[in-house]
Protein backbone atom coordinates (compact mmCIF):
# COMPACT_ATOMS: atom_id res chain seq x y z
CA MET A 1 -7.89 -25.08 4.35
CA ALA A 2 -5.24 -27.57 5.39
CA GLU A 3 -5.30 -28.92 8.92
CA LEU A 4 -2.41 -28.00 11.18
CA ARG A 5 -0.28 -30.86 12.35
CA CYS A 6 1.73 -30.81 15.53
CA GLY A 7 4.90 -28.77 15.18
CA GLU A 8 3.66 -26.75 12.18
CA ASP A 9 3.79 -22.99 12.19
CA PRO A 10 0.30 -21.69 13.13
CA GLU A 11 0.78 -18.54 11.05
CA PRO A 12 -1.39 -18.66 7.91
CA SER A 13 0.37 -18.65 4.56
CA ASP A 14 -2.36 -16.55 2.92
CA PRO A 15 -3.25 -13.08 4.17
CA VAL A 16 -6.51 -12.91 6.11
CA PRO A 17 -9.00 -10.53 4.46
CA ALA A 18 -9.18 -7.23 6.34
CA GLY A 19 -12.84 -6.61 5.46
CA PRO A 20 -14.23 -3.27 4.28
CA LEU A 21 -11.58 -0.54 4.39
CA TYR A 22 -11.53 3.24 4.22
CA VAL A 23 -9.18 3.88 1.30
CA PRO A 24 -7.65 7.33 0.71
CA VAL A 25 -8.26 8.56 -2.84
CA ARG A 26 -7.40 11.53 -5.00
CA PRO A 27 -9.64 13.04 -7.66
CA GLY A 28 -8.65 12.37 -11.24
CA PRO A 29 -9.97 13.08 -14.72
CA SER A 30 -12.11 9.95 -14.77
CA GLY A 31 -13.15 9.84 -11.10
CA CYS A 32 -11.34 8.89 -7.93
CA THR A 33 -8.05 7.02 -7.87
CA ALA A 34 -6.69 5.09 -4.90
CA ARG A 35 -3.61 6.76 -3.45
CA LEU A 36 -0.51 4.59 -3.41
CA PHE A 37 2.36 5.02 -0.98
CA ARG A 38 5.91 3.85 -0.35
CA THR A 39 7.02 1.54 2.44
CA PRO A 40 10.06 2.50 4.52
CA LEU A 41 12.15 0.31 2.19
CA GLY A 42 10.78 2.02 -0.92
CA GLY A 43 8.28 -0.58 -2.11
CA ARG A 44 4.86 0.52 -3.31
CA THR A 45 1.83 -0.26 -1.17
CA ALA A 46 -1.88 0.38 -1.10
CA VAL A 47 -3.22 1.69 2.21
CA GLY A 48 -6.53 1.07 3.93
CA PHE A 49 -7.95 1.93 7.33
CA THR A 50 -10.41 -0.06 9.41
CA THR A 51 -12.15 3.08 10.69
CA GLU A 52 -12.80 6.55 9.33
CA HIS A 53 -11.30 7.98 12.54
CA ARG A 54 -7.95 6.29 11.87
CA LEU A 55 -7.88 7.63 8.31
CA THR A 56 -8.64 11.21 9.37
CA ALA A 57 -6.14 10.99 12.23
CA THR A 58 -3.45 10.17 9.68
CA PHE A 59 -4.43 12.35 6.70
CA GLY A 60 -6.71 14.98 8.19
CA PRO A 61 -10.44 15.57 7.78
CA GLY A 62 -10.10 16.88 4.21
CA GLN A 63 -8.81 13.59 2.78
CA PRO A 64 -11.37 12.04 0.40
CA TRP A 65 -11.91 8.29 0.80
CA ILE A 66 -13.98 5.41 -0.49
CA ARG A 67 -15.00 2.13 1.07
CA LEU A 68 -13.51 -0.94 -0.58
CA ALA A 69 -13.29 -4.54 0.49
CA GLU A 70 -9.73 -5.76 0.90
CA PRO A 71 -9.92 -8.15 -2.10
CA ALA A 72 -11.29 -5.32 -4.28
CA LEU A 73 -8.42 -3.01 -3.28
CA ARG A 74 -5.89 -5.74 -4.06
CA ALA A 75 -7.54 -6.40 -7.44
CA LEU A 76 -7.52 -2.67 -8.21
CA THR A 77 -3.81 -2.23 -7.51
CA ALA A 78 -2.46 -5.57 -8.79
CA PRO A 79 -2.37 -4.46 -12.48
CA LEU A 80 -0.11 -1.59 -11.36
CA GLY A 81 2.34 -4.06 -9.84
CA VAL A 82 1.33 -3.19 -6.28
CA THR A 83 0.87 -6.35 -4.25
CA ALA A 84 1.45 -4.99 -0.74
CA LEU A 85 -1.41 -3.71 1.40
CA THR A 86 -0.79 -1.76 4.59
CA VAL A 87 -3.76 -1.70 6.96
CA ASP A 88 -3.95 1.01 9.63
CA PRO A 89 -0.42 2.39 9.31
CA ARG A 90 0.58 3.94 12.61
CA PHE A 91 3.87 5.58 11.81
CA THR A 92 3.88 8.34 9.26
CA ALA A 93 6.24 11.18 8.59
CA PRO A 94 4.91 14.62 9.49
CA ALA A 95 3.66 16.69 6.60
CA ALA A 96 6.54 18.62 5.09
CA ALA A 97 6.29 22.38 5.18
CA PRO A 98 6.53 23.94 1.74
CA ALA A 99 10.13 24.80 1.01
CA ARG A 100 10.91 28.44 0.47
CA SER A 101 12.42 28.97 -2.89
CA GLY A 102 15.72 30.79 -2.85
CA VAL A 103 15.66 31.16 -6.64
CA PRO A 104 14.57 34.83 -6.78
CA ALA A 105 17.23 35.86 -4.25
CA LEU A 106 19.86 33.82 -6.08
CA ARG A 107 18.95 35.43 -9.41
CA ALA A 108 19.21 38.91 -7.86
CA ARG A 109 22.68 38.13 -6.50
CA LEU A 110 23.82 36.77 -9.85
CA ARG A 111 22.54 39.90 -11.63
CA GLU A 112 24.48 42.11 -9.21
CA ARG A 113 27.70 40.18 -9.86
CA THR A 114 27.38 40.44 -13.63
CA ARG A 115 26.91 44.22 -13.62
């Protein structure tokens, strides 16, 4: 690691490893797959939590998860073109309620008009 000289920015240029993370997964045909998400600007990101409590507070107790080290999560998602990692996201949109489909009512109205 390079020494800091006076006047240099103390912020590291490389991300500091986050350590073991609780990573939300979804079941797939060949095992579990890490869930990927979108940032507010639309970019893809992997997500990890530093505690199980933070993961369940965000996704609920039914969310499956695995423990992965931060470098392992990055290596897993890099071939998919995902280079961003969000640790302990705090702001999430509330779960959307299932939309009621107006298709059956629309079909009934169209049938009445054509008779």
